[in-house]
Amino acid sequence: MFAVTATSLDADKPLDGLTLGERPEPAVPDGWTTVTVRAAALNHHDLWSLRGVGLAADRLPMILGCDASGVDEDGNEVIVHSVIGDPARGGGDETLDPKRTLLSESYPGTFAERVAVPRRNLVPKPAELSFEEAACLPTSWLTAYRMLFDRADLEPGASVLVQGAGGGVATALISLASAAGYRVYATSRSEAKRRRAVEIGADEAFEPGARLPERVDAVMETVGQATWSHSLKSLRPGGRIVVSGATSGQVPPAELNRVFFLQLSVVGSTMGTRDQLERLARFLVKTGVRPPVDRVLPLREAREGFAAMAGGDLFGKVVFTV
C-alpha cells in the first residue's frame, strides 16, 4: 500500500527523512481492526517526529500521521482516535495511562491507504461532516476541546486569550470558544492571520505582547517561551493558563512571584479521550462549526503539505486525501 514514512531523523532538515512509496499492509493484533483511510490531517507532531522528537531511530521506518477518517471493515464511516492507551491504567482516562502512545510513535500512523487501530478507537463519523472535516478532529481539535471544556474550568461568558493564531490547535480554540459564547482574544505576528482569526470568531486580534482590553479568565498556550510572560500578565487574579504545547521553547522564565501573588494556575493538557472526540464531533454538528482547511492535497503530494507547515505558511489544517 502507498504510505508516507519517516525513514531518517534530522533536527535541522526534517523533510530529508520523508519518504513516499509502498509499505507492507498493517499488522492487526487481537482486538484491533483496519480502517480504509479516506482523509488524513497533518499536525506539527508529524514534523517533530521527523526531527526525532517522540520518535526514536530504532522505530524507523515509521508511517507518519495521527489523524484519519475513513471506512471500517463493516463499511461504517468512522473517525480514528489516535491515543493508544488503556483507560483502566489512567483511572478512566486513557490520556493519563503512563504507557499511552499516539499512532505514528509506537504503531504505524494514518498517512497510508490503511491503518490498524484498536476497535475501541473508532468513533462514528456524523454524516454532516465530510471525511476531510472529520480528519481534522482527532489531534488539534480534540486537544482544543479538552483545553477549553475540561482543563480550563470556564463558565459561559468567560474571557479567553489564544496565543499564536494560525496553528491547528489555536484555530480550533478560537472557533470552539466563540461557538461556546466566550469572549475571545487572539494574537499573531501576521496581520493576515489576525484578520482570519476575527473571521472565524475572535472578538479582537492583536500583535504578540499587546495590552488586551481586559485581563482574561484563561489563556490557551501552545507557543511557550515566546509568549509565556505575556500570558501571565494577561490573566486576571486567580486566572488559569492551559498549556498543550511549547513550539517556541520549553524553558521560559517562570515568574513565580506573579504566579503565587496573583494565585494563578498553570495546567497541562494533552490530547483527549475517545468519549471527548465523540462529543466534539456532535458539538460541530450542533453548532455548525467546521475546521478551517488551508489546503487539501492527494497523499502522493504530502511533501508539499509538510513544506508548507515547516515554513509556517498555513492558516488551518492541511488534509491529505487517499
C-alpha atoms as a PDB file:
ATOM      1  CA  MET A   1       0.000   0.000   0.000  1.00  0.00           C
ATOM      2  CA  PHE A   2       1.092   3.611  -0.535  1.00  0.00           C
ATOM      3  CA  ALA A   3       2.239   5.456   2.588  1.00  0.00           C
ATOM      4  CA  VAL A   4       4.193   8.478   3.846  1.00  0.00           C
ATOM      5  CA  THR A   5       7.034   7.301   6.054  1.00  0.00           C
ATOM      6  CA  ALA A   6       9.810   8.680   8.235  1.00  0.00           C
ATOM      7  CA  THR A   7      12.977   6.849   7.187  1.00  0.00           C
ATOM      8  CA  SER A   8      15.564   9.072   8.896  1.00  0.00           C
ATOM      9  CA  LEU A   9      15.607  11.825  11.514  1.00  0.00           C
ATOM     10  CA  ASP A  10      17.196  15.273  11.245  1.00  0.00           C
ATOM     11  CA  ALA A  11      16.503  18.126  13.637  1.00  0.00           C
ATOM     12  CA  ASP A  12      17.628  20.759  11.122  1.00  0.00           C
ATOM     13  CA  LYS A  13      16.385  19.256   7.846  1.00  0.00           C
ATOM     14  CA  PRO A  14      13.353  17.177   8.832  1.00  0.00           C
ATOM     15  CA  LEU A  15      11.968  16.814   5.310  1.00  0.00           C
ATOM     16  CA  ASP A  16      15.099  14.939   4.241  1.00  0.00           C
ATOM     17  CA  GLY A  17      13.752  11.926   6.131  1.00  0.00           C
ATOM     18  CA  LEU A  18      10.348  11.933   4.428  1.00  0.00           C
ATOM     19  CA  THR A  19       9.785   9.001   2.057  1.00  0.00           C
ATOM     20  CA  LEU A  20       6.733   8.393  -0.119  1.00  0.00           C
ATOM     21  CA  GLY A  21       6.168   4.932  -1.517  1.00  0.00           C
ATOM     22  CA  GLU A  22       4.982   1.380  -0.964  1.00  0.00           C
ATOM     23  CA  ARG A  23       4.841  -0.163   2.509  1.00  0.00           C
ATOM     24  CA  PRO A  24       3.569  -3.521   3.793  1.00  0.00           C
ATOM     25  CA  GLU A  25      -0.056  -3.882   4.834  1.00  0.00           C
ATOM     26  CA  PRO A  26      -0.583  -3.169   8.562  1.00  0.00           C
ATOM     27  CA  ALA A  27      -0.385  -5.980  11.097  1.00  0.00           C
ATOM     28  CA  VAL A  28      -3.647  -6.453  13.013  1.00  0.00           C
ATOM     29  CA  PRO A  29      -3.226  -7.655  16.638  1.00  0.00           C
ATOM     30  CA  ASP A  30      -6.072  -9.244  18.586  1.00  0.00           C
ATOM     31  CA  GLY A  31      -8.712  -6.660  19.420  1.00  0.00           C
ATOM     32  CA  TRP A  32      -7.614  -4.393  16.557  1.00  0.00           C
ATOM     33  CA  THR A  33      -9.154  -3.720  13.171  1.00  0.00           C
ATOM     34  CA  THR A  34      -8.275  -1.895   9.972  1.00  0.00           C
ATOM     35  CA  VAL A  35      -9.656   1.329   8.551  1.00  0.00           C
ATOM     36  CA  THR A  36      -9.504   2.247   4.881  1.00  0.00           C
ATOM     37  CA  VAL A  37      -8.349   5.855   5.059  1.00  0.00           C
ATOM     38  CA  ARG A  38     -10.294   8.468   3.104  1.00  0.00           C
ATOM     39  CA  ALA A  39      -8.658  11.574   4.574  1.00  0.00           C
ATOM     40  CA  ALA A  40      -5.805  12.286   7.000  1.00  0.00           C
ATOM     41  CA  ALA A  41      -4.738  15.603   8.530  1.00  0.00           C
ATOM     42  CA  LEU A  42      -1.223  16.902   9.090  1.00  0.00           C
ATOM     43  CA  ASN A  43      -0.062  18.039  12.541  1.00  0.00           C
ATOM     44  CA  HIS A  44       3.074  19.616  13.965  1.00  0.00           C
ATOM     45  CA  HIS A  45       3.544  16.266  15.685  1.00  0.00           C
ATOM     46  CA  ASP A  46       4.414  14.787  12.285  1.00  0.00           C
ATOM     47  CA  LEU A  47       7.068  17.426  11.651  1.00  0.00           C
ATOM     48  CA  TRP A  48       8.516  16.999  15.146  1.00  0.00           C
ATOM     49  CA  SER A  49       8.658  13.248  14.568  1.00  0.00           C
ATOM     50  CA  LEU A  50      10.922  13.833  11.567  1.00  0.00           C
ATOM     51  CA  ARG A  51      13.117  15.926  13.878  1.00  0.00           C
ATOM     52  CA  GLY A  52      13.426  12.995  16.262  1.00  0.00           C
ATOM     53  CA  VAL A  53      11.111  14.320  18.980  1.00  0.00           C
ATOM     54  CA  GLY A  54       8.985  11.466  20.303  1.00  0.00           C
ATOM     55  CA  LEU A  55      10.200   9.094  17.594  1.00  0.00           C
ATOM     56  CA  ALA A  56      13.391   7.124  18.172  1.00  0.00           C
ATOM     57  CA  ALA A  57      15.653   5.991  15.356  1.00  0.00           C
ATOM     58  CA  ASP A  58      15.198   2.336  16.329  1.00  0.00           C
ATOM     59  CA  ARG A  59      11.490   2.590  15.377  1.00  0.00           C
ATOM     60  CA  LEU A  60      12.217   3.581  11.777  1.00  0.00           C
ATOM     61  CA  PRO A  61      10.813   3.270   9.214  1.00  0.00           C
ATOM     62  CA  MET A  62       7.585   4.630  10.708  1.00  0.00           C
ATOM     63  CA  ILE A  63       4.424   5.578   8.824  1.00  0.00           C
ATOM     64  CA  LEU A  64       3.533   9.089   9.977  1.00  0.00           C
ATOM     65  CA  GLY A  65       0.127  10.585  10.773  1.00  0.00           C
ATOM     66  CA  CYS A  66      -2.144  10.714  13.834  1.00  0.00           C
ATOM     67  CA  ASP A  67      -5.451  11.838  12.323  1.00  0.00           C
ATOM     68  CA  ALA A  68      -7.742   9.998   9.940  1.00  0.00           C
ATOM     69  CA  SER A  69     -11.305   9.384   8.885  1.00  0.00           C
ATOM     70  CA  GLY A  70     -12.376   6.504   6.726  1.00  0.00           C
ATOM     71  CA  VAL A  71     -14.381   3.305   6.483  1.00  0.00           C
ATOM     72  CA  ASP A  72     -14.083   0.323   8.827  1.00  0.00           C
ATOM     73  CA  GLU A  73     -14.234  -3.343   7.878  1.00  0.00           C
ATOM     74  CA  ASP A  74     -18.046  -3.347   8.189  1.00  0.00           C
ATOM     75  CA  GLY A  75     -18.479  -0.356   5.878  1.00  0.00           C
ATOM     76  CA  ASN A  76     -19.136   2.196   8.640  1.00  0.00           C
ATOM     77  CA  GLU A  77     -17.818   5.742   8.279  1.00  0.00           C
ATOM     78  CA  VAL A  78     -15.544   6.400  11.258  1.00  0.00           C
ATOM     79  CA  ILE A  79     -13.086   8.816  12.848  1.00  0.00           C
ATOM     80  CA  VAL A  80      -9.881   7.329  14.268  1.00  0.00           C
ATOM     81  CA  HIS A  81      -8.976   8.247  17.846  1.00  0.00           C
ATOM     82  CA  SER A  82      -5.186   8.288  17.806  1.00  0.00           C
ATOM     83  CA  VAL A  83      -4.443   7.804  21.522  1.00  0.00           C
ATOM     84  CA  ILE A  84      -3.447   4.180  22.092  1.00  0.00           C
ATOM     85  CA  GLY A  85      -3.940   3.619  25.798  1.00  0.00           C
ATOM     86  CA  ASP A  86      -5.870   1.767  28.481  1.00  0.00           C
ATOM     87  CA  PRO A  87      -8.456   3.873  30.354  1.00  0.00           C
ATOM     88  CA  ALA A  88      -8.202   1.492  33.314  1.00  0.00           C
ATOM     89  CA  ARG A  89      -4.497   2.289  33.763  1.00  0.00           C
ATOM     90  CA  GLY A  90      -5.324   6.008  33.648  1.00  0.00           C
ATOM     91  CA  GLY A  91      -8.102   5.998  36.216  1.00  0.00           C
ATOM     92  CA  GLY A  92     -10.757   6.077  33.484  1.00  0.00           C
ATOM     93  CA  ASP A  93      -8.802   8.397  31.160  1.00  0.00           C
ATOM     94  CA  GLU A  94      -6.561   6.845  28.521  1.00  0.00           C
ATOM     95  CA  THR A  95      -4.561  10.074  28.168  1.00  0.00           C
ATOM     96  CA  LEU A  96      -3.349   9.516  31.767  1.00  0.00           C
ATOM     97  CA  ASP A  97      -2.208   5.944  31.074  1.00  0.00           C
ATOM     98  CA  PRO A  98       1.559   6.002  31.794  1.00  0.00           C
ATOM     99  CA  LYS A  99       2.053   3.678  28.819  1.00  0.00           C
ATOM    100  CA  ARG A 100      -0.126   5.611  26.370  1.00  0.00           C
ATOM    101  CA  THR A 101       1.206   6.482  22.952  1.00  0.00           C
ATOM    102  CA  LEU A 102      -0.046   8.020  19.719  1.00  0.00           C
ATOM    103  CA  LEU A 103      -0.322   6.466  16.304  1.00  0.00           C
ATOM    104  CA  SER A 104       2.984   7.028  14.464  1.00  0.00           C
ATOM    105  CA  GLU A 105       5.039   6.795  17.690  1.00  0.00           C
ATOM    106  CA  SER A 106       4.989   3.074  18.531  1.00  0.00           C
ATOM    107  CA  TYR A 107       2.446   1.930  15.942  1.00  0.00           C
ATOM    108  CA  PRO A 108       2.213   2.849  12.222  1.00  0.00           C
ATOM    109  CA  GLY A 109       0.229   6.011  11.567  1.00  0.00           C
ATOM    110  CA  THR A 110      -2.550   7.198   9.314  1.00  0.00           C
ATOM    111  CA  PHE A 111      -0.711   8.555   6.240  1.00  0.00           C
ATOM    112  CA  ALA A 112      -1.423   5.355   4.350  1.00  0.00           C
ATOM    113  CA  GLU A 113      -4.161   3.642   2.418  1.00  0.00           C
ATOM    114  CA  ARG A 114      -4.999   1.554   5.500  1.00  0.00           C
ATOM    115  CA  VAL A 115      -4.267   1.831   9.226  1.00  0.00           C
ATOM    116  CA  ALA A 116      -4.680  -0.671  12.058  1.00  0.00           C
ATOM    117  CA  VAL A 117      -6.197   0.567  15.344  1.00  0.00           C
ATOM    118  CA  PRO A 118      -7.838  -0.898  18.463  1.00  0.00           C
ATOM    119  CA  ARG A 119     -11.562  -1.402  17.887  1.00  0.00           C
ATOM    120  CA  ARG A 120     -12.410   0.932  20.797  1.00  0.00           C
ATOM    121  CA  ASN A 121     -10.565   3.750  18.976  1.00  0.00           C
ATOM    122  CA  LEU A 122     -13.243   4.055  16.300  1.00  0.00           C
ATOM    123  CA  VAL A 123     -15.758   6.888  16.663  1.00  0.00           C
ATOM    124  CA  PRO A 124     -18.806   7.100  14.356  1.00  0.00           C
ATOM    125  CA  LYS A 125     -18.400   9.883  11.789  1.00  0.00           C
ATOM    126  CA  PRO A 126     -21.536  12.033  11.644  1.00  0.00           C
ATOM    127  CA  ALA A 127     -22.990  12.200   8.147  1.00  0.00           C
ATOM    128  CA  GLU A 128     -22.985  16.003   8.419  1.00  0.00           C
ATOM    129  CA  LEU A 129     -19.161  16.087   8.455  1.00  0.00           C
ATOM    130  CA  SER A 130     -17.130  15.415   5.334  1.00  0.00           C
ATOM    131  CA  PHE A 131     -14.209  12.996   5.532  1.00  0.00           C
ATOM    132  CA  GLU A 132     -11.851  15.979   5.205  1.00  0.00           C
ATOM    133  CA  GLU A 133     -13.515  17.848   8.077  1.00  0.00           C
ATOM    134  CA  ALA A 134     -13.661  14.762  10.278  1.00  0.00           C
ATOM    135  CA  ALA A 135      -9.973  14.025   9.695  1.00  0.00           C
ATOM    136  CA  CYS A 136      -9.061  17.358  11.326  1.00  0.00           C
ATOM    137  CA  LEU A 137     -10.556  16.442  14.699  1.00  0.00           C
ATOM    138  CA  PRO A 138      -8.524  13.737  16.497  1.00  0.00           C
ATOM    139  CA  THR A 139      -5.396  15.742  17.395  1.00  0.00           C
ATOM    140  CA  SER A 140      -5.576  19.551  17.210  1.00  0.00           C
ATOM    141  CA  TRP A 141      -9.347  19.944  17.547  1.00  0.00           C
ATOM    142  CA  LEU A 142      -9.604  17.333  20.286  1.00  0.00           C
ATOM    143  CA  THR A 143      -6.703  18.989  22.114  1.00  0.00           C
ATOM    144  CA  ALA A 144      -8.521  22.338  21.900  1.00  0.00           C
ATOM    145  CA  TYR A 145     -11.809  20.810  23.063  1.00  0.00           C
ATOM    146  CA  ARG A 146     -10.198  19.318  26.167  1.00  0.00           C
ATOM    147  CA  MET A 147      -8.292  22.523  26.926  1.00  0.00           C
ATOM    148  CA  LEU A 148     -11.407  24.693  26.799  1.00  0.00           C
ATOM    149  CA  PHE A 149     -14.164  22.491  28.144  1.00  0.00           C
ATOM    150  CA  ASP A 150     -12.276  20.273  30.590  1.00  0.00           C
ATOM    151  CA  ARG A 151      -8.967  21.699  31.780  1.00  0.00           C
ATOM    152  CA  ALA A 152      -9.800  25.436  31.748  1.00  0.00           C
ATOM    153  CA  ASP A 153     -12.808  25.085  34.065  1.00  0.00           C
ATOM    154  CA  LEU A 154     -14.592  28.009  32.391  1.00  0.00           C
ATOM    155  CA  GLU A 155     -18.218  29.095  32.657  1.00  0.00           C
ATOM    156  CA  PRO A 156     -20.315  30.541  29.797  1.00  0.00           C
ATOM    157  CA  GLY A 157     -19.428  34.166  29.147  1.00  0.00           C
ATOM    158  CA  ALA A 158     -15.797  33.733  30.214  1.00  0.00           C
ATOM    159  CA  SER A 159     -12.917  35.547  28.507  1.00  0.00           C
ATOM    160  CA  VAL A 160     -10.081  33.700  26.786  1.00  0.00           C
ATOM    161  CA  LEU A 161      -6.772  34.621  25.162  1.00  0.00           C
ATOM    162  CA  VAL A 162      -5.496  32.305  22.417  1.00  0.00           C
ATOM    163  CA  GLN A 163      -1.808  32.752  21.679  1.00  0.00           C
ATOM    164  CA  GLY A 164      -0.453  32.151  18.163  1.00  0.00           C
ATOM    165  CA  ALA A 165      -3.478  32.281  15.865  1.00  0.00           C
ATOM    166  CA  GLY A 166      -3.000  30.289  12.689  1.00  0.00           C
ATOM    167  CA  GLY A 167      -1.836  26.944  14.015  1.00  0.00           C
ATOM    168  CA  GLY A 168      -4.185  23.982  14.081  1.00  0.00           C
ATOM    169  CA  VAL A 169      -4.829  23.970  17.839  1.00  0.00           C
ATOM    170  CA  ALA A 170      -5.107  27.775  18.047  1.00  0.00           C
ATOM    171  CA  THR A 171      -7.544  27.878  15.138  1.00  0.00           C
ATOM    172  CA  ALA A 172      -9.662  25.205  16.804  1.00  0.00           C
ATOM    173  CA  LEU A 173      -9.548  27.065  20.114  1.00  0.00           C
ATOM    174  CA  ILE A 174     -10.841  30.281  18.539  1.00  0.00           C
ATOM    175  CA  SER A 175     -13.658  28.523  16.681  1.00  0.00           C
ATOM    176  CA  LEU A 176     -14.783  26.389  19.633  1.00  0.00           C
ATOM    177  CA  ALA A 177     -14.528  29.187  22.194  1.00  0.00           C
ATOM    178  CA  SER A 178     -16.558  31.526  20.018  1.00  0.00           C
ATOM    179  CA  ALA A 179     -19.221  28.869  19.439  1.00  0.00           C
ATOM    180  CA  ALA A 180     -19.438  28.342  23.209  1.00  0.00           C
ATOM    181  CA  GLY A 181     -20.074  32.036  23.826  1.00  0.00           C
ATOM    182  CA  TYR A 182     -16.709  33.043  25.284  1.00  0.00           C
ATOM    183  CA  ARG A 183     -15.113  36.436  24.618  1.00  0.00           C
ATOM    184  CA  VAL A 184     -12.100  35.514  22.551  1.00  0.00           C
ATOM    185  CA  TYR A 185      -8.879  37.443  22.022  1.00  0.00           C
ATOM    186  CA  ALA A 186      -6.078  36.149  19.810  1.00  0.00           C
ATOM    187  CA  THR A 187      -2.506  37.088  18.940  1.00  0.00           C
ATOM    188  CA  SER A 188      -0.379  36.612  15.847  1.00  0.00           C
ATOM    189  CA  ARG A 189       2.690  38.245  14.288  1.00  0.00           C
ATOM    190  CA  SER A 190       0.887  38.132  10.935  1.00  0.00           C
ATOM    191  CA  GLU A 191      -1.681  40.794  10.076  1.00  0.00           C
ATOM    192  CA  ALA A 192      -3.343  38.381   7.649  1.00  0.00           C
ATOM    193  CA  LYS A 193      -3.679  35.729  10.358  1.00  0.00           C
ATOM    194  CA  ARG A 194      -5.098  38.288  12.776  1.00  0.00           C
ATOM    195  CA  ARG A 195      -7.779  39.118  10.214  1.00  0.00           C
ATOM    196  CA  ARG A 196      -8.547  35.427   9.723  1.00  0.00           C
ATOM    197  CA  ALA A 197      -8.769  34.938  13.485  1.00  0.00           C
ATOM    198  CA  VAL A 198     -11.517  37.564  13.659  1.00  0.00           C
ATOM    199  CA  GLU A 199     -13.277  35.994  10.689  1.00  0.00           C
ATOM    200  CA  ILE A 200     -13.540  32.629  12.468  1.00  0.00           C
ATOM    201  CA  GLY A 201     -14.760  34.045  15.770  1.00  0.00           C
ATOM    202  CA  ALA A 202     -12.188  36.088  17.697  1.00  0.00           C
ATOM    203  CA  ASP A 203     -13.630  39.308  19.112  1.00  0.00           C
ATOM    204  CA  GLU A 204     -10.291  41.061  18.561  1.00  0.00           C
ATOM    205  CA  ALA A 205      -6.799  40.055  17.460  1.00  0.00           C
ATOM    206  CA  PHE A 206      -3.537  41.693  18.481  1.00  0.00           C
ATOM    207  CA  GLU A 207       0.184  41.610  17.872  1.00  0.00           C
ATOM    208  CA  PRO A 208       2.099  39.407  20.341  1.00  0.00           C
ATOM    209  CA  GLY A 209       2.653  41.144  23.646  1.00  0.00           C
ATOM    210  CA  ALA A 210      -0.061  43.766  23.122  1.00  0.00           C
ATOM    211  CA  ARG A 211      -2.138  45.015  26.040  1.00  0.00           C
ATOM    212  CA  LEU A 212      -5.615  43.464  25.957  1.00  0.00           C
ATOM    213  CA  PRO A 213      -8.895  45.318  26.616  1.00  0.00           C
ATOM    214  CA  GLU A 214      -9.250  43.308  29.836  1.00  0.00           C
ATOM    215  CA  ARG A 215      -7.474  40.699  31.875  1.00  0.00           C
ATOM    216  CA  VAL A 216      -8.841  37.320  30.858  1.00  0.00           C
ATOM    217  CA  ASP A 217     -10.109  34.343  32.797  1.00  0.00           C
ATOM    218  CA  ALA A 218      -7.898  31.882  30.951  1.00  0.00           C
ATOM    219  CA  VAL A 219      -5.051  31.781  28.441  1.00  0.00           C
ATOM    220  CA  MET A 220      -4.722  28.934  25.937  1.00  0.00           C
ATOM    221  CA  GLU A 221      -0.979  28.481  25.490  1.00  0.00           C
ATOM    222  CA  THR A 222       0.643  26.444  22.716  1.00  0.00           C
ATOM    223  CA  VAL A 223       3.570  28.729  21.833  1.00  0.00           C
ATOM    224  CA  GLY A 224       5.558  28.558  25.060  1.00  0.00           C
ATOM    225  CA  GLN A 225       8.682  30.566  25.657  1.00  0.00           C
ATOM    226  CA  ALA A 226       7.967  33.451  23.266  1.00  0.00           C
ATOM    227  CA  THR A 227       4.524  34.263  24.722  1.00  0.00           C
ATOM    228  CA  TRP A 228       4.749  32.990  28.305  1.00  0.00           C
ATOM    229  CA  SER A 229       5.355  36.327  30.016  1.00  0.00           C
ATOM    230  CA  HIS A 230       2.508  37.942  28.081  1.00  0.00           C
ATOM    231  CA  SER A 231       0.227  35.049  29.001  1.00  0.00           C
ATOM    232  CA  LEU A 232       0.917  35.535  32.711  1.00  0.00           C
ATOM    233  CA  LYS A 233       0.448  39.305  32.515  1.00  0.00           C
ATOM    234  CA  SER A 234      -2.848  38.914  30.625  1.00  0.00           C
ATOM    235  CA  LEU A 235      -4.549  36.865  33.362  1.00  0.00           C
ATOM    236  CA  ARG A 236      -6.896  38.222  35.986  1.00  0.00           C
ATOM    237  CA  PRO A 237      -6.078  37.324  39.607  1.00  0.00           C
ATOM    238  CA  GLY A 238      -6.999  33.679  40.085  1.00  0.00           C
ATOM    239  CA  GLY A 239      -6.852  33.022  36.332  1.00  0.00           C
ATOM    240  CA  ARG A 240      -5.545  29.929  34.609  1.00  0.00           C
ATOM    241  CA  ILE A 241      -3.102  29.099  31.830  1.00  0.00           C
ATOM    242  CA  VAL A 242      -3.767  25.839  29.999  1.00  0.00           C
ATOM    243  CA  VAL A 243      -0.653  24.559  28.229  1.00  0.00           C
ATOM    244  CA  SER A 244      -0.682  21.962  25.461  1.00  0.00           C
ATOM    245  CA  GLY A 245       2.474  22.868  23.559  1.00  0.00           C
ATOM    246  CA  ALA A 246       5.666  24.897  23.501  1.00  0.00           C
ATOM    247  CA  THR A 247       6.627  25.354  19.869  1.00  0.00           C
ATOM    248  CA  SER A 248       8.926  28.324  20.589  1.00  0.00           C
ATOM    249  CA  GLY A 249      10.743  26.750  23.535  1.00  0.00           C
ATOM    250  CA  GLN A 250      10.017  24.925  26.775  1.00  0.00           C
ATOM    251  CA  VAL A 251      12.036  26.890  29.363  1.00  0.00           C
ATOM    252  CA  PRO A 252      10.527  30.395  29.740  1.00  0.00           C
ATOM    253  CA  PRO A 253      11.165  32.457  32.893  1.00  0.00           C
ATOM    254  CA  ALA A 254       8.673  31.062  35.400  1.00  0.00           C
ATOM    255  CA  GLU A 255       7.873  34.446  37.033  1.00  0.00           C
ATOM    256  CA  LEU A 256       6.848  32.584  40.162  1.00  0.00           C
ATOM    257  CA  ASN A 257       6.270  35.819  42.055  1.00  0.00           C
ATOM    258  CA  ARG A 258       3.415  36.668  39.681  1.00  0.00           C
ATOM    259  CA  VAL A 259       2.058  33.121  39.884  1.00  0.00           C
ATOM    260  CA  PHE A 260       1.805  32.999  43.673  1.00  0.00           C
ATOM    261  CA  PHE A 261       0.923  36.638  44.330  1.00  0.00           C
ATOM    262  CA  LEU A 262      -1.985  36.596  41.862  1.00  0.00           C
ATOM    263  CA  GLN A 263      -2.846  32.963  42.701  1.00  0.00           C
ATOM    264  CA  LEU A 264      -2.595  31.879  39.091  1.00  0.00           C
ATOM    265  CA  SER A 265      -2.942  28.265  37.979  1.00  0.00           C
ATOM    266  CA  VAL A 266      -0.863  26.533  35.308  1.00  0.00           C
ATOM    267  CA  VAL A 267      -2.498  23.372  33.958  1.00  0.00           C
ATOM    268  CA  GLY A 268      -1.156  20.908  31.416  1.00  0.00           C
ATOM    269  CA  SER A 269      -3.346  19.283  28.778  1.00  0.00           C
ATOM    270  CA  THR A 270      -2.617  16.575  26.217  1.00  0.00           C
ATOM    271  CA  MET A 271      -4.974  15.262  23.533  1.00  0.00           C
ATOM    272  CA  GLY A 272      -8.358  13.965  24.760  1.00  0.00           C
ATOM    273  CA  THR A 273     -10.318  10.799  25.377  1.00  0.00           C
ATOM    274  CA  ARG A 274     -12.287   8.763  22.885  1.00  0.00           C
ATOM    275  CA  ASP A 275     -15.527   9.941  24.516  1.00  0.00           C
ATOM    276  CA  GLN A 276     -14.429  13.578  24.200  1.00  0.00           C
ATOM    277  CA  LEU A 277     -13.729  13.019  20.497  1.00  0.00           C
ATOM    278  CA  GLU A 278     -17.266  11.692  20.054  1.00  0.00           C
ATOM    279  CA  ARG A 279     -18.701  14.706  21.911  1.00  0.00           C
ATOM    280  CA  LEU A 280     -16.554  17.070  19.839  1.00  0.00           C
ATOM    281  CA  ALA A 281     -17.997  15.643  16.625  1.00  0.00           C
ATOM    282  CA  ARG A 282     -21.545  16.106  17.968  1.00  0.00           C
ATOM    283  CA  PHE A 283     -20.682  19.671  19.050  1.00  0.00           C
ATOM    284  CA  LEU A 284     -19.659  20.554  15.497  1.00  0.00           C
ATOM    285  CA  VAL A 285     -22.869  19.095  14.098  1.00  0.00           C
ATOM    286  CA  LYS A 286     -24.961  21.024  16.636  1.00  0.00           C
ATOM    287  CA  THR A 287     -23.200  24.389  16.242  1.00  0.00           C
ATOM    288  CA  GLY A 288     -22.339  24.290  12.548  1.00  0.00           C
ATOM    289  CA  VAL A 289     -18.656  24.997  13.311  1.00  0.00           C
ATOM    290  CA  ARG A 290     -16.258  23.411  10.820  1.00  0.00           C
ATOM    291  CA  PRO A 291     -12.457  23.196  10.850  1.00  0.00           C
ATOM    292  CA  PRO A 292     -10.838  25.756   8.526  1.00  0.00           C
ATOM    293  CA  VAL A 293      -8.832  23.838   5.931  1.00  0.00           C
ATOM    294  CA  ASP A 294      -5.829  25.599   4.451  1.00  0.00           C
ATOM    295  CA  ARG A 295      -5.396  23.098   1.624  1.00  0.00           C
ATOM    296  CA  VAL A 296      -6.380  19.599   0.515  1.00  0.00           C
ATOM    297  CA  LEU A 297      -3.737  17.513  -1.237  1.00  0.00           C
ATOM    298  CA  PRO A 298      -3.538  13.956  -2.534  1.00  0.00           C
ATOM    299  CA  LEU A 299      -1.452  11.797  -0.199  1.00  0.00           C
ATOM    300  CA  ARG A 300       1.083  11.390  -3.006  1.00  0.00           C
ATOM    301  CA  GLU A 301       1.740  15.156  -2.761  1.00  0.00           C
ATOM    302  CA  ALA A 302       2.245  15.094   1.000  1.00  0.00           C
ATOM    303  CA  ARG A 303       5.697  16.649   0.755  1.00  0.00           C
ATOM    304  CA  GLU A 304       4.095  19.944  -0.308  1.00  0.00           C
ATOM    305  CA  GLY A 305       1.979  19.983   2.851  1.00  0.00           C
ATOM    306  CA  PHE A 306       4.950  19.210   5.089  1.00  0.00           C
ATOM    307  CA  ALA A 307       6.936  22.008   3.427  1.00  0.00           C
ATOM    308  CA  ALA A 308       4.100  24.499   3.991  1.00  0.00           C
ATOM    309  CA  MET A 309       3.909  23.578   7.664  1.00  0.00           C
ATOM    310  CA  ALA A 310       7.681  23.813   8.074  1.00  0.00           C
ATOM    311  CA  GLY A 311       7.558  27.284   6.535  1.00  0.00           C
ATOM    312  CA  GLY A 312       4.680  28.458   8.723  1.00  0.00           C
ATOM    313  CA  ASP A 313       2.620  29.294   5.634  1.00  0.00           C
ATOM    314  CA  LEU A 314      -0.703  27.985   6.951  1.00  0.00           C
ATOM    315  CA  PHE A 315      -3.992  29.034   8.488  1.00  0.00           C
ATOM    316  CA  GLY A 316      -5.982  25.972   9.417  1.00  0.00           C
ATOM    317  CA  LYS A 317      -5.368  22.358   8.538  1.00  0.00           C
ATOM    318  CA  VAL A 318      -3.567  20.540   5.755  1.00  0.00           C
ATOM    319  CA  VAL A 319      -5.592  17.489   4.746  1.00  0.00           C
ATOM    320  CA  PHE A 320      -4.395  14.598   2.606  1.00  0.00           C
ATOM    321  CA  THR A 321      -6.949  12.571   0.656  1.00  0.00           C
ATOM    322  CA  VAL A 322      -6.428   8.917  -0.133  1.00  0.00           C
END
